[in-house]
Amino acid sequence: MGIKQKIFNLIIIFASFMIAINPAKGQVLKDTATFRMMCKGVDYIYNMQFAQAREVFREVARIYPDHPIIYVYKGLITYWENYPLTPASPQKEVFEKDMEKAISICDKYPNLENDPEYLLANIGARGLLLLFYADNDLTKEVIPLASSTYQYVKLSFNYTKTYADFYFITGLYNYYREAYPDAHPVYKSIAFLFPKGDKARGLKEMQYASKNAVVLKAESFSFLSGIYISFENNFDKAYQYSKALYDLYPRNLQYISMYIKNLLLVKRYDEAENLVKKYTDKNDNNFFNGQLLIYNGILCEKKYKDFRQAQLFYNKGIKELESYGEIGTEPVAYGYFGLSRITADKHLRKEYRKKAVDLAAFKNVNFDR
């Protein structure tokens, strides 16, 4: 995603939901059978198996009808089933109401700060809501919710003693606290408000989570792939994580897209093309199909040197994706980078390049090489 988040949003948003279903004291999570069922349900959600995910939801809701975690779980289904969820999405209001209901239950719960289960359900609901707002650059909604959520995130670190999944959270903080303001100096004044991190340590912690986490394995793979592409510019290293994520959840369209992008960055054009062909015209997700158009453009340009066909794909992909607003800016930038390389008109090349640079969160991820 081409989202220019502030560092504290990165820490809060992406660490939030899955913490809420890690074992700890409380009703749902002391119930081993229910915990295992929810872990399986989360796997179903990430792998786009929503019928099975709903079966898990109905069973957990039957056992714990008043627990906030059921609203968080339901929100995750809504988020992924309608990805990308935008302000114009028909399910937007249902999603927001479920998150607000979970937060309301938690806010009314006595002694919230000392009950890790309700504390983390609260963070989970806030985190998913923040993710939706940040996806769509809804800054007015992000700032107040992020400010009120950070206090709960800090409290959650009191419960990081036992489970490998929490290494993802500490790793995420340690890495982004240093890397993000280095990449985006405008945020250094904000980063100064937070304790210092350690990039090397953060990477090691996330790598540990990718191997040992129970629930946060997918998030670990996803972020490691993104970090090695966007911050470290080590596309070969990123590849091992994007492939692992694809192998783990082969039905997740966004993870498929990440994997194809990584294949193109490491110039494994034959493998990328096989996947593009496999999924083209096989689904009704226009956002994913728009990304495939951009990838087809890159293949025509880089593999076949067919600039005319590449131009057609780039323009069609850009048109498809621009309607998604902020969440579509990253692949749109790739399209404009491509047009800037293959367009004969010097003035247009310069114009396309400027558009690409303005949209791209990470200017070095451009497929120029």
Protein backbone atom coordinates (compact mmCIF):
# COMPACT_ATOMS: atom_id res chain seq x y z
CA MET A 1 0.00 0.00 0.00
CA GLY A 2 1.21 3.51 -0.76
CA ILE A 3 0.19 4.81 2.66
CA LYS A 4 2.32 7.52 4.24
CA GLN A 5 1.65 6.56 7.86
CA LYS A 6 3.26 8.20 10.84
CA ILE A 7 5.48 5.92 12.84
CA PHE A 8 3.11 5.55 15.75
CA ASN A 9 0.36 4.49 13.37
CA LEU A 10 2.60 1.76 11.99
CA ILE A 11 3.27 0.49 15.49
CA ILE A 12 -0.34 0.60 16.60
CA ILE A 13 -2.22 -0.43 13.48
CA PHE A 14 -0.33 -3.45 12.29
CA ALA A 15 0.48 -4.92 15.67
CA SER A 16 -3.00 -4.67 17.04
CA PHE A 17 -5.59 -7.22 16.03
CA MET A 18 -3.77 -10.49 16.27
CA ILE A 19 -2.48 -9.79 19.76
CA ALA A 20 -6.06 -10.04 20.85
CA ILE A 21 -6.29 -13.75 20.20
CA ASN A 22 -3.02 -14.82 21.81
CA PRO A 23 -3.32 -16.98 24.96
CA ALA A 24 -3.56 -15.00 28.17
CA LYS A 25 -5.76 -14.78 31.22
CA GLY A 26 -9.45 -14.49 30.50
CA GLN A 27 -12.55 -16.29 29.32
CA VAL A 28 -11.99 -17.09 25.66
CA LEU A 29 -8.26 -17.54 25.79
CA LYS A 30 -8.20 -19.82 28.84
CA ASP A 31 -10.59 -22.02 26.90
CA THR A 32 -8.04 -24.06 24.92
CA ALA A 33 -10.57 -25.52 22.52
CA THR A 34 -12.00 -22.10 21.69
CA PHE A 35 -8.55 -20.60 21.27
CA ARG A 36 -7.57 -23.33 18.81
CA MET A 37 -10.82 -22.87 16.95
CA MET A 38 -10.21 -19.13 16.64
CA CYS A 39 -6.65 -19.69 15.41
CA LYS A 40 -8.09 -21.94 12.72
CA GLY A 41 -10.72 -19.33 11.97
CA VAL A 42 -8.04 -16.67 11.46
CA ASP A 43 -6.28 -18.99 9.03
CA TYR A 44 -9.57 -19.30 7.15
CA ILE A 45 -9.92 -15.52 6.98
CA TYR A 46 -6.40 -14.94 5.69
CA ASN A 47 -6.87 -17.70 3.12
CA MET A 48 -10.17 -16.15 1.96
CA GLN A 49 -12.25 -19.13 3.11
CA PHE A 50 -15.04 -17.04 4.50
CA ALA A 51 -17.76 -19.71 4.74
CA GLN A 52 -15.55 -21.72 7.09
CA ALA A 53 -14.53 -18.56 8.96
CA ARG A 54 -18.20 -17.77 9.59
CA GLU A 55 -18.78 -21.24 10.99
CA VAL A 56 -16.09 -20.52 13.57
CA PHE A 57 -17.66 -17.14 14.28
CA ARG A 58 -21.08 -18.66 14.91
CA GLU A 59 -19.67 -21.23 17.32
CA VAL A 60 -17.59 -18.73 19.30
CA ALA A 61 -20.51 -16.28 19.38
CA ARG A 62 -22.74 -19.09 20.72
CA ILE A 63 -20.30 -19.82 23.55
CA TYR A 64 -19.34 -16.19 24.34
CA PRO A 65 -22.20 -14.03 22.99
CA ASP A 66 -21.25 -10.89 24.93
CA HIS A 67 -17.50 -11.00 24.47
CA PRO A 68 -15.88 -8.16 22.46
CA ILE A 69 -13.57 -10.57 20.64
CA ILE A 70 -16.45 -11.82 18.47
CA TYR A 71 -16.92 -8.32 17.07
CA VAL A 72 -13.19 -8.02 16.38
CA TYR A 73 -13.19 -11.38 14.61
CA LYS A 74 -16.26 -10.42 12.59
CA GLY A 75 -14.57 -7.16 11.62
CA LEU A 76 -11.54 -9.03 10.31
CA ILE A 77 -13.84 -11.11 8.10
CA THR A 78 -15.48 -7.95 6.76
CA TYR A 79 -12.12 -6.27 6.17
CA TRP A 80 -10.65 -9.13 4.13
CA GLU A 81 -13.82 -10.27 2.36
CA ASN A 82 -14.30 -6.75 1.00
CA TYR A 83 -10.63 -5.91 0.46
CA PRO A 84 -9.92 -3.17 -0.21
CA LEU A 85 -12.48 -1.74 2.17
CA THR A 86 -13.02 1.90 1.23
CA PRO A 87 -15.34 4.70 2.43
CA ALA A 88 -17.60 3.88 -0.54
CA SER A 89 -17.82 0.16 0.31
CA PRO A 90 -21.34 -1.06 1.21
CA GLN A 91 -19.88 -2.94 4.21
CA LYS A 92 -18.06 0.11 5.60
CA GLU A 93 -20.80 0.99 8.10
CA VAL A 94 -21.18 -2.61 9.32
CA PHE A 95 -17.42 -2.79 9.86
CA GLU A 96 -17.30 0.48 11.80
CA LYS A 97 -20.28 -0.48 13.97
CA ASP A 98 -18.71 -3.82 14.92
CA MET A 99 -15.44 -2.14 15.88
CA GLU A 100 -17.23 0.57 17.84
CA LYS A 101 -19.31 -2.09 19.63
CA ALA A 102 -16.18 -3.97 20.70
CA ILE A 103 -14.56 -0.76 21.93
CA SER A 104 -17.72 0.21 23.81
CA ILE A 105 -17.90 -3.16 25.59
CA CYS A 106 -14.26 -2.88 26.60
CA ASP A 107 -14.54 0.74 27.73
CA LYS A 108 -17.41 -0.24 30.04
CA TYR A 109 -15.52 -3.20 31.47
CA PRO A 110 -14.26 -2.56 35.02
CA ASN A 111 -10.53 -2.88 35.64
CA LEU A 112 -9.78 -2.98 31.90
CA GLU A 113 -6.09 -2.15 32.37
CA ASN A 114 -5.53 -5.26 34.49
CA ASP A 115 -7.41 -7.72 32.29
CA PRO A 116 -5.22 -8.63 29.30
CA GLU A 117 -8.04 -10.29 27.39
CA TYR A 118 -10.34 -7.27 27.36
CA LEU A 119 -7.38 -4.91 27.06
CA LEU A 120 -6.20 -6.63 23.91
CA ALA A 121 -9.68 -7.01 22.44
CA ASN A 122 -9.95 -3.25 22.87
CA ILE A 123 -6.62 -2.73 21.07
CA GLY A 124 -7.68 -5.16 18.36
CA ALA A 125 -10.87 -3.27 17.56
CA ARG A 126 -9.09 0.06 17.63
CA GLY A 127 -6.30 -1.31 15.48
CA LEU A 128 -8.57 -2.63 12.74
CA LEU A 129 -10.48 0.64 12.71
CA LEU A 130 -7.20 2.56 12.48
CA LEU A 131 -6.07 0.30 9.66
CA PHE A 132 -9.21 1.11 7.68
CA TYR A 133 -8.75 4.84 8.30
CA ALA A 134 -5.04 4.78 7.36
CA ASP A 135 -5.69 2.66 4.25
CA ASN A 136 -7.92 5.44 2.99
CA ASP A 137 -5.94 8.44 4.29
CA LEU A 138 -8.74 9.48 6.63
CA THR A 139 -6.43 11.61 8.77
CA LYS A 140 -9.17 13.32 10.78
CA GLU A 141 -10.30 9.93 12.07
CA VAL A 142 -6.79 8.51 12.54
CA ILE A 143 -5.30 11.15 14.80
CA PRO A 144 -7.78 11.11 17.73
CA LEU A 145 -8.19 7.32 17.68
CA ALA A 146 -4.43 6.71 17.46
CA SER A 147 -3.80 9.11 20.34
CA SER A 148 -6.26 7.33 22.61
CA THR A 149 -5.09 3.86 21.53
CA TYR A 150 -1.38 4.22 22.17
CA GLN A 151 -1.86 4.15 25.95
CA TYR A 152 -3.40 0.68 25.65
CA VAL A 153 -0.63 -0.55 23.35
CA LYS A 154 1.94 0.44 25.97
CA LEU A 155 0.02 -1.50 28.62
CA SER A 156 -0.02 -4.59 26.42
CA PHE A 157 3.77 -4.88 26.72
CA ASN A 158 3.21 -5.98 30.32
CA TYR A 159 2.00 -9.31 28.90
CA THR A 160 4.80 -10.15 26.49
CA LYS A 161 6.65 -12.68 28.64
CA THR A 162 5.59 -16.05 27.30
CA TYR A 163 4.43 -16.18 23.68
CA ALA A 164 6.58 -16.04 20.54
CA ASP A 165 3.93 -14.01 18.72
CA PHE A 166 4.84 -10.97 20.78
CA TYR A 167 8.29 -10.90 19.19
CA PHE A 168 6.51 -9.56 16.11
CA ILE A 169 5.30 -6.54 18.08
CA THR A 170 8.62 -5.78 19.77
CA GLY A 171 10.40 -6.34 16.46
CA LEU A 172 8.00 -4.06 14.63
CA TYR A 173 8.58 -1.30 17.16
CA ASN A 174 12.36 -1.70 17.28
CA TYR A 175 12.69 -1.60 13.51
CA TYR A 176 10.18 1.09 12.54
CA ARG A 177 11.12 3.43 15.37
CA GLU A 178 14.49 3.88 13.66
CA ALA A 179 13.84 3.06 9.98
CA TYR A 180 10.73 5.10 9.30
CA PRO A 181 12.03 8.53 10.32
CA ASP A 182 15.31 7.77 8.52
CA ALA A 183 13.36 7.12 5.32
CA HIS A 184 10.95 10.01 5.93
CA PRO A 185 12.84 12.77 7.83
CA VAL A 186 9.68 14.85 8.21
CA TYR A 187 8.63 12.40 10.94
CA LYS A 188 11.81 12.67 13.02
CA SER A 189 10.18 15.15 15.38
CA ILE A 190 7.36 12.64 15.99
CA ALA A 191 9.76 9.72 16.46
CA PHE A 192 11.62 11.75 19.08
CA LEU A 193 8.56 11.33 21.35
CA PHE A 194 9.10 7.54 21.47
CA PRO A 195 11.87 5.49 23.10
CA LYS A 196 14.67 4.55 20.71
CA GLY A 197 14.57 1.25 18.85
CA ASP A 198 17.14 -1.04 17.28
CA LYS A 199 16.77 -2.01 13.61
CA ALA A 200 19.02 -5.08 13.74
CA ARG A 201 17.29 -6.36 16.84
CA GLY A 202 13.89 -5.65 15.36
CA LEU A 203 14.65 -7.72 12.27
CA LYS A 204 15.87 -10.62 14.41
CA GLU A 205 12.73 -10.48 16.55
CA MET A 206 10.41 -10.50 13.53
CA GLN A 207 12.42 -13.33 11.96
CA TYR A 208 12.01 -15.29 15.19
CA ALA A 209 8.26 -14.63 15.09
CA SER A 210 8.08 -15.76 11.47
CA LYS A 211 9.42 -19.16 12.51
CA ASN A 212 7.78 -19.61 15.91
CA ALA A 213 4.62 -17.50 16.14
CA VAL A 214 1.30 -19.28 16.44
CA VAL A 215 -0.98 -16.60 15.02
CA LEU A 216 1.26 -13.74 13.87
CA LYS A 217 3.24 -15.78 11.36
CA ALA A 218 1.48 -14.20 8.37
CA GLU A 219 2.03 -10.68 9.70
CA SER A 220 5.70 -11.48 10.28
CA PHE A 221 6.18 -12.74 6.73
CA SER A 222 4.25 -9.81 5.31
CA PHE A 223 6.18 -7.14 7.15
CA LEU A 224 9.58 -8.74 6.61
CA SER A 225 8.88 -8.87 2.89
CA GLY A 226 7.78 -5.24 2.90
CA ILE A 227 10.73 -4.10 4.99
CA TYR A 228 13.31 -5.80 2.79
CA ILE A 229 11.70 -4.34 -0.33
CA SER A 230 10.93 -0.80 0.78
CA PHE A 231 13.50 0.03 3.46
CA GLU A 232 16.40 -2.34 2.86
CA ASN A 233 16.08 -2.61 -0.94
CA ASN A 234 17.08 -6.25 -0.64
CA PHE A 235 14.62 -7.84 -3.04
CA ASP A 236 16.22 -11.30 -2.86
CA LYS A 237 15.81 -11.40 0.92
CA ALA A 238 12.23 -10.17 0.62
CA TYR A 239 11.49 -12.96 -1.82
CA GLN A 240 11.88 -15.72 0.78
CA TYR A 241 9.20 -14.10 2.94
CA SER A 242 6.72 -13.23 0.18
CA LYS A 243 7.00 -16.79 -1.12
CA ALA A 244 6.46 -18.22 2.37
CA LEU A 245 3.37 -16.04 2.73
CA TYR A 246 2.03 -17.15 -0.63
CA ASP A 247 2.65 -20.80 0.28
CA LEU A 248 0.88 -20.32 3.61
CA TYR A 249 -2.21 -18.55 2.20
CA PRO A 250 -2.35 -19.32 -1.54
CA ARG A 251 -5.91 -17.99 -1.93
CA ASN A 252 -5.25 -14.52 -0.52
CA LEU A 253 -5.31 -12.16 -3.50
CA GLN A 254 -3.28 -9.43 -1.86
CA TYR A 255 -0.57 -11.89 -0.82
CA ILE A 256 -0.54 -13.25 -4.38
CA SER A 257 -0.03 -9.69 -5.60
CA MET A 258 2.84 -9.15 -3.16
CA TYR A 259 4.49 -12.34 -4.36
CA ILE A 260 4.16 -11.44 -8.05
CA LYS A 261 5.62 -7.99 -7.36
CA ASN A 262 8.57 -9.56 -5.60
CA LEU A 263 9.11 -12.02 -8.45
CA LEU A 264 9.23 -9.09 -10.88
CA LEU A 265 11.68 -7.20 -8.69
CA VAL A 266 14.08 -10.18 -8.69
CA LYS A 267 13.52 -10.61 -12.44
CA ARG A 268 11.98 -14.05 -12.20
CA TYR A 269 9.76 -13.13 -15.11
CA ASP A 270 8.67 -16.63 -16.15
CA GLU A 271 7.33 -17.44 -12.66
CA ALA A 272 5.65 -14.05 -12.39
CA GLU A 273 4.04 -14.48 -15.80
CA ASN A 274 2.72 -17.94 -14.91
CA LEU A 275 0.97 -16.50 -11.86
CA VAL A 276 -0.36 -13.48 -13.74
CA LYS A 277 -1.85 -15.79 -16.37
CA LYS A 278 -3.20 -18.12 -13.71
CA TYR A 279 -5.23 -15.40 -12.00
CA THR A 280 -6.14 -13.08 -14.89
CA ASP A 281 -9.91 -13.09 -15.49
CA LYS A 282 -10.37 -15.70 -12.74
CA ASN A 283 -11.94 -13.45 -10.08
CA ASP A 284 -14.19 -10.41 -9.69
CA ASN A 285 -11.86 -8.34 -7.47
CA ASN A 286 -11.19 -5.27 -9.60
CA PHE A 287 -8.47 -4.00 -7.28
CA PHE A 288 -6.48 -7.22 -7.70
CA ASN A 289 -7.20 -7.28 -11.44
CA GLY A 290 -5.92 -3.71 -11.72
CA GLN A 291 -2.65 -4.76 -10.11
CA LEU A 292 -2.39 -7.68 -12.54
CA LEU A 293 -2.72 -5.19 -15.41
CA ILE A 294 0.25 -3.22 -14.07
CA TYR A 295 2.26 -6.44 -13.68
CA ASN A 296 1.35 -7.41 -17.22
CA GLY A 297 2.70 -4.04 -18.31
CA ILE A 298 5.99 -4.70 -16.53
CA LEU A 299 6.25 -8.13 -18.17
CA CYS A 300 5.57 -6.70 -21.64
CA GLU A 301 8.14 -3.97 -21.06
CA LYS A 302 10.89 -5.95 -19.35
CA LYS A 303 10.55 -9.48 -20.71
CA TYR A 304 9.17 -8.93 -24.21
CA LYS A 305 10.26 -5.33 -24.94
CA ASP A 306 6.78 -4.78 -26.35
CA PHE A 307 6.37 -1.15 -25.34
CA ARG A 308 3.13 -0.62 -27.21
CA GLN A 309 1.38 -3.44 -25.36
CA ALA A 310 3.02 -2.40 -22.09
CA GLN A 311 1.62 1.10 -22.53
CA LEU A 312 -1.87 -0.29 -23.02
CA PHE A 313 -1.60 -2.39 -19.85
CA TYR A 314 -0.16 0.48 -17.79
CA ASN A 315 -2.88 2.91 -18.84
CA LYS A 316 -5.65 0.38 -18.29
CA GLY A 317 -4.27 -0.58 -14.86
CA ILE A 318 -3.92 3.05 -13.79
CA LYS A 319 -7.50 3.79 -14.84
CA GLU A 320 -8.77 0.75 -12.91
CA LEU A 321 -6.83 1.55 -9.74
CA GLU A 322 -7.18 5.32 -9.51
CA SER A 323 -10.80 4.95 -8.42
CA TYR A 324 -9.58 3.32 -5.18
CA GLY A 325 -7.94 6.51 -3.96
CA GLU A 326 -5.12 6.33 -1.43
CA ILE A 327 -5.05 2.56 -1.19
CA GLY A 328 -4.34 2.29 -4.91
CA THR A 329 -1.45 4.76 -5.07
CA GLU A 330 1.41 2.24 -4.91
CA PRO A 331 0.50 0.16 -8.00
CA VAL A 332 -0.59 3.34 -9.82
CA ALA A 333 2.90 4.74 -9.16
CA TYR A 334 4.41 1.60 -10.71
CA GLY A 335 2.28 2.21 -13.79
CA TYR A 336 3.47 5.80 -14.12
CA PHE A 337 7.09 4.75 -13.58
CA GLY A 338 6.62 2.30 -16.44
CA LEU A 339 5.08 4.92 -18.73
CA SER A 340 7.95 7.29 -17.95
CA ARG A 341 10.41 4.69 -19.25
CA ILE A 342 8.67 3.73 -22.49
CA THR A 343 6.94 6.91 -23.70
CA ALA A 344 8.67 8.55 -26.68
CA ASP A 345 7.54 12.10 -25.91
CA LYS A 346 10.09 13.75 -23.57
CA HIS A 347 7.54 16.10 -22.04
CA LEU A 348 5.17 13.21 -21.27
CA ARG A 349 8.02 11.12 -19.84
CA LYS A 350 8.83 13.93 -17.43
CA GLU A 351 5.17 14.34 -16.51
CA TYR A 352 4.71 10.63 -15.87
CA ARG A 353 7.86 10.50 -13.78
CA LYS A 354 6.67 13.36 -11.60
CA LYS A 355 3.31 11.68 -11.07
CA ALA A 356 5.05 8.44 -10.09
CA VAL A 357 7.41 10.13 -7.64
CA ASP A 358 4.58 12.12 -6.08
CA LEU A 359 2.56 8.93 -5.51
CA ALA A 360 5.32 6.55 -4.45
CA ALA A 361 5.98 6.15 -0.75
CA PHE A 362 9.34 4.53 -1.57
CA LYS A 363 10.91 6.05 -4.67
CA ASN A 364 13.51 3.28 -5.14
CA VAL A 365 10.85 0.62 -5.69
CA ASN A 366 10.17 1.56 -9.30
CA PHE A 367 11.22 -1.39 -11.54
CA ASP A 368 13.71 0.86 -13.34
CA ARG A 369 16.47 -1.75 -13.08
